[in-house]
Amino acid sequence: MPSLSGKSALVTGGSRGIGAAIASRLARQGADVAVTFSSSPERAQRVVDDINREGGKGLAIKADAADQSAVRAAIQQAAKEFGKIDILVNNAGVLALGPIATFSAEDFERALSVNVRSVFTAIQEALKHMPDGGRIITIGSVNSERMPFEGGSVYALTKGAVASFTKGLARDLGARKITVNNIQPGPVDTEANPASGPFADTMMGLLAMKRYAHAEEIAAMTAYLAGPEAGYVTGASLLIDGGFAA
């Protein structure tokens, strides 16, 4: 029997890239999966169609991660559809880069809202619908540990906050056997950050393994943390970065 049979999951920002790969992988392992999207219903529907082909039940929900009311409503809709949420994957995020001296307050607030506040909101709401033994997984970044170029201080701040939040939550939720973990990818070959993009040469010079990750590799680690074999892994920030932080 698939390892996630009978489980239901919600993946924020699941219409493309890492989020779409995670949603498909969880479905292949037997879960019903809801994905949120902000601006690409066609892409989200393709992910849902893929989930349905894998034998699961798919659901696409429009919800901008910067809108905390929309995040709460999305959690509620998924819980109503599936009856519960066993697995929450906080994947939605924005890359916020720029010199700190000129970084706008508006961009700072959006980075905090999407990368930090939406994680808090989604977790708080999901816990109302999550049975004991559930799984909470956030897609953070290796940049919480290493920021080797200028202009990334705000992004590093948001991802460092998620890493610290993970440790505290593990303590808060341990009695319920709910695990809380933070995956920290290095460069991943996606449409938003292609391995042939303008940053590729710089990134390659920082990697021990001279390639970008594939989204499916991040999905595989997520599926492990979501599954029964990871019941004793909690409070961890796990690097999958090709040696970026080595």
Protein backbone atom coordinates (compact mmCIF):
# COMPACT_ATOMS: atom_id res chain seq x y z
CA MET A 1 0.00 0.00 0.00
CA PRO A 2 1.34 3.49 -0.82
CA SER A 3 2.93 5.10 2.23
CA LEU A 4 0.52 8.06 2.28
CA SER A 5 -2.67 6.19 1.50
CA GLY A 6 -5.60 7.74 3.38
CA LYS A 7 -3.70 10.98 4.02
CA SER A 8 -4.62 14.44 2.81
CA ALA A 9 -2.18 17.25 2.11
CA LEU A 10 -2.14 20.93 1.26
CA VAL A 11 0.78 22.48 -0.65
CA THR A 12 0.89 26.27 -0.83
CA GLY A 13 2.21 27.71 -4.06
CA GLY A 14 1.70 24.34 -5.71
CA SER A 15 0.95 25.31 -9.30
CA ARG A 16 4.52 25.17 -10.62
CA GLY A 17 8.16 24.49 -9.84
CA ILE A 18 9.00 22.87 -6.52
CA GLY A 19 5.41 23.05 -5.27
CA ALA A 20 4.02 21.21 -8.30
CA ALA A 21 6.69 18.51 -7.99
CA ILE A 22 5.85 18.06 -4.30
CA ALA A 23 2.11 17.82 -4.98
CA SER A 24 2.63 15.17 -7.65
CA ARG A 25 5.01 13.16 -5.48
CA LEU A 26 2.65 13.13 -2.50
CA ALA A 27 -0.16 11.98 -4.80
CA ARG A 28 2.00 9.18 -6.20
CA GLN A 29 2.46 7.98 -2.64
CA GLY A 30 -1.29 7.86 -2.10
CA ALA A 31 -2.31 11.24 -0.68
CA ASP A 32 -5.17 13.48 -1.70
CA VAL A 33 -3.61 16.88 -2.39
CA ALA A 34 -4.86 20.46 -2.50
CA VAL A 35 -2.65 23.16 -4.01
CA THR A 36 -2.95 26.92 -3.72
CA PHE A 37 -2.12 29.33 -6.51
CA SER A 38 -2.19 33.10 -6.89
CA SER A 39 -2.26 33.84 -10.61
CA SER A 40 -2.09 30.72 -12.79
CA PRO A 41 -5.30 28.65 -12.69
CA GLU A 42 -4.35 26.74 -15.85
CA ARG A 43 -1.08 25.56 -14.32
CA ALA A 44 -2.84 24.66 -11.08
CA GLN A 45 -5.41 22.63 -13.00
CA ARG A 46 -2.65 20.70 -14.76
CA VAL A 47 -1.23 19.79 -11.35
CA VAL A 48 -4.70 18.68 -10.21
CA ASP A 49 -5.11 16.58 -13.36
CA ASP A 50 -1.76 14.94 -12.59
CA ILE A 51 -2.88 14.19 -9.03
CA ASN A 52 -6.10 12.65 -10.30
CA ARG A 53 -4.17 10.48 -12.76
CA GLU A 54 -2.12 9.16 -9.86
CA GLY A 55 -5.36 7.98 -8.23
CA GLY A 56 -5.67 10.71 -5.64
CA LYS A 57 -8.14 13.53 -5.29
CA GLY A 58 -6.81 16.91 -6.40
CA LEU A 59 -8.05 20.37 -5.53
CA ALA A 60 -6.83 23.81 -6.69
CA ILE A 61 -7.59 26.84 -4.51
CA LYS A 62 -6.87 30.46 -5.45
CA ALA A 63 -5.08 32.13 -2.53
CA ASP A 64 -2.35 34.76 -2.61
CA ALA A 65 0.08 33.94 0.19
CA ALA A 66 0.35 37.66 0.94
CA ASP A 67 -3.35 37.71 1.86
CA GLN A 68 -3.68 36.12 5.29
CA SER A 69 -7.47 35.88 5.07
CA ALA A 70 -7.13 34.00 1.79
CA VAL A 71 -4.59 31.64 3.35
CA ARG A 72 -6.98 30.81 6.21
CA ALA A 73 -9.86 30.33 3.78
CA ALA A 74 -7.78 27.97 1.64
CA ILE A 75 -6.94 25.79 4.64
CA GLN A 76 -10.60 25.69 5.61
CA GLN A 77 -11.67 24.76 2.09
CA ALA A 78 -9.16 21.92 1.85
CA ALA A 79 -10.16 20.60 5.27
CA LYS A 80 -13.83 20.69 4.31
CA GLU A 81 -13.12 18.84 1.04
CA PHE A 82 -10.89 16.16 2.57
CA GLY A 83 -12.25 16.04 6.11
CA LYS A 84 -8.82 16.75 7.63
CA ILE A 85 -5.31 17.92 6.79
CA ASP A 86 -2.61 15.40 7.69
CA ILE A 87 0.23 17.14 5.85
CA LEU A 88 0.86 20.86 5.40
CA VAL A 89 3.65 21.95 3.05
CA ASN A 90 4.43 25.67 3.22
CA ASN A 91 6.06 26.14 -0.17
CA ALA A 92 4.85 29.58 -1.32
CA GLY A 93 7.58 32.19 -1.21
CA VAL A 94 9.06 35.25 -2.86
CA LEU A 95 12.69 36.01 -3.64
CA ALA A 96 13.42 39.44 -2.22
CA LEU A 97 16.75 40.90 -3.37
CA GLY A 98 18.15 44.42 -3.29
CA PRO A 99 20.57 46.74 -1.47
CA ILE A 100 19.46 47.24 2.11
CA ALA A 101 19.99 51.00 1.88
CA THR A 102 17.30 51.31 -0.80
CA PHE A 103 15.10 48.31 -0.03
CA SER A 104 11.54 49.64 -0.01
CA ALA A 105 9.23 49.24 2.96
CA GLU A 106 6.59 47.81 0.63
CA ASP A 107 8.93 45.07 -0.65
CA PHE A 108 10.05 44.33 2.90
CA GLU A 109 6.45 43.94 4.09
CA ARG A 110 5.58 41.66 1.17
CA ALA A 111 8.63 39.47 1.83
CA LEU A 112 7.63 39.14 5.49
CA SER A 113 3.99 38.53 4.62
CA VAL A 114 4.65 35.75 2.09
CA ASN A 115 7.76 34.10 3.53
CA VAL A 116 6.99 34.36 7.25
CA ARG A 117 3.49 35.51 8.12
CA SER A 118 1.75 33.12 5.72
CA VAL A 119 3.69 30.21 7.25
CA PHE A 120 2.44 31.20 10.71
CA THR A 121 -1.11 31.67 9.44
CA ALA A 122 -1.26 28.40 7.51
CA ILE A 123 0.13 26.41 10.43
CA GLN A 124 -2.18 28.01 12.97
CA GLU A 125 -5.23 27.33 10.82
CA ALA A 126 -4.16 23.83 9.74
CA LEU A 127 -3.70 22.72 13.35
CA LYS A 128 -7.46 23.05 13.82
CA HIS A 129 -7.92 20.28 11.24
CA MET A 130 -4.78 18.17 11.75
CA PRO A 131 -4.95 14.86 13.62
CA ASP A 132 -2.22 13.91 16.06
CA GLY A 133 0.76 12.52 14.19
CA GLY A 134 0.48 15.07 11.39
CA ARG A 135 3.31 16.60 9.41
CA ILE A 136 4.25 20.26 8.91
CA ILE A 137 6.98 20.96 6.34
CA THR A 138 8.25 24.33 5.21
CA ILE A 139 10.40 24.94 2.15
CA GLY A 140 13.02 27.37 3.42
CA SER A 141 16.39 28.12 1.89
CA VAL A 142 20.09 27.43 2.29
CA ASN A 143 20.38 31.23 2.47
CA SER A 144 19.30 31.06 6.10
CA GLU A 145 22.77 29.63 6.72
CA ARG A 146 24.86 31.21 3.99
CA MET A 147 24.36 34.39 1.98
CA PRO A 148 27.51 34.72 -0.15
CA PHE A 149 26.49 37.70 -2.27
CA GLU A 150 25.23 41.24 -1.74
CA GLY A 151 21.55 42.12 -1.76
CA GLY A 152 20.14 39.07 -0.02
CA SER A 153 19.87 40.26 3.57
CA VAL A 154 16.06 40.55 3.67
CA TYR A 155 15.60 37.17 2.01
CA ALA A 156 18.04 35.61 4.48
CA LEU A 157 16.15 37.24 7.34
CA THR A 158 12.86 35.67 6.29
CA LYS A 159 14.33 32.21 5.78
CA GLY A 160 16.23 32.41 9.07
CA ALA A 161 12.97 33.24 10.81
CA VAL A 162 11.38 30.10 9.37
CA ALA A 163 14.29 27.95 10.57
CA SER A 164 13.96 29.29 14.14
CA PHE A 165 10.16 28.99 14.06
CA THR A 166 10.57 25.32 13.12
CA LYS A 167 12.52 24.58 16.30
CA GLY A 168 9.99 26.28 18.54
CA LEU A 169 7.05 24.57 16.86
CA ALA A 170 8.65 21.17 17.28
CA ARG A 171 8.55 21.77 21.05
CA ASP A 172 5.02 23.14 20.95
CA LEU A 173 3.61 20.21 18.97
CA GLY A 174 5.72 17.28 20.15
CA ALA A 175 3.07 16.11 22.62
CA ARG A 176 0.69 15.65 19.70
CA LYS A 177 3.33 13.71 17.73
CA ILE A 178 3.12 16.33 14.98
CA THR A 179 6.53 16.75 13.37
CA VAL A 180 7.72 20.12 12.10
CA ASN A 181 10.63 20.38 9.69
CA ASN A 182 12.28 22.87 7.37
CA ILE A 183 13.80 21.87 4.02
CA GLN A 184 16.57 24.20 2.87
CA PRO A 185 17.27 23.85 -0.86
CA GLY A 186 20.15 25.38 -2.72
CA PRO A 187 19.67 26.43 -6.35
CA VAL A 188 16.86 24.46 -8.01
CA ASP A 189 16.28 24.34 -11.75
CA THR A 190 12.84 25.91 -12.12
CA GLU A 191 11.21 28.43 -14.41
CA ALA A 192 11.83 31.13 -11.82
CA ASN A 193 15.52 30.23 -11.41
CA PRO A 194 16.66 28.20 -14.43
CA ALA A 195 20.01 26.44 -14.51
CA SER A 196 20.73 28.45 -17.67
CA GLY A 197 19.66 31.77 -16.12
CA PRO A 198 21.65 34.95 -15.38
CA PHE A 199 22.69 33.77 -11.90
CA ALA A 200 23.81 30.31 -13.00
CA ASP A 201 27.52 31.00 -13.41
CA THR A 202 27.71 32.60 -9.97
CA MET A 203 25.77 29.74 -8.36
CA MET A 204 27.87 27.04 -10.02
CA GLY A 205 30.98 28.56 -8.51
CA LEU A 206 29.50 28.18 -5.02
CA LEU A 207 28.39 24.56 -5.36
CA ALA A 208 30.42 21.46 -4.50
CA MET A 209 28.29 19.54 -7.02
CA LYS A 210 28.35 21.59 -10.19
CA ARG A 211 24.68 21.42 -11.03
CA TYR A 212 21.33 22.77 -9.90
CA ALA A 213 18.93 20.49 -8.04
CA HIS A 214 15.89 19.06 -9.77
CA ALA A 215 12.52 19.93 -8.25
CA GLU A 216 11.83 16.20 -7.92
CA GLU A 217 14.76 15.89 -5.51
CA ILE A 218 13.18 18.43 -3.18
CA ALA A 219 9.88 16.59 -3.57
CA ALA A 220 11.53 13.30 -2.57
CA MET A 221 12.82 14.78 0.68
CA THR A 222 9.40 16.28 1.35
CA ALA A 223 7.72 12.92 0.79
CA TYR A 224 10.11 11.26 3.23
CA LEU A 225 9.33 13.83 5.94
CA ALA A 226 5.61 13.42 5.25
CA GLY A 227 5.76 9.64 5.55
CA PRO A 228 5.71 7.15 8.40
CA GLU A 229 9.46 6.55 8.42
CA ALA A 230 10.16 10.15 9.50
CA GLY A 231 8.13 10.05 12.71
CA TYR A 232 11.22 10.79 14.85
CA VAL A 233 12.50 13.69 12.72
CA THR A 234 11.33 17.05 14.05
CA GLY A 235 12.70 20.54 14.59
CA ALA A 236 15.25 19.99 11.82
CA SER A 237 16.45 22.26 9.05
CA LEU A 238 17.65 19.86 6.38
CA LEU A 239 20.01 21.02 3.65
CA ILE A 240 19.61 19.75 0.11
CA ASP A 241 22.00 22.16 -1.52
CA GLY A 242 24.71 20.38 -3.51
CA GLY A 243 27.29 21.55 -1.00
CA PHE A 244 26.39 25.25 -1.25
CA ALA A 245 26.79 25.68 2.53
CA ALA A 246 29.72 23.27 2.90
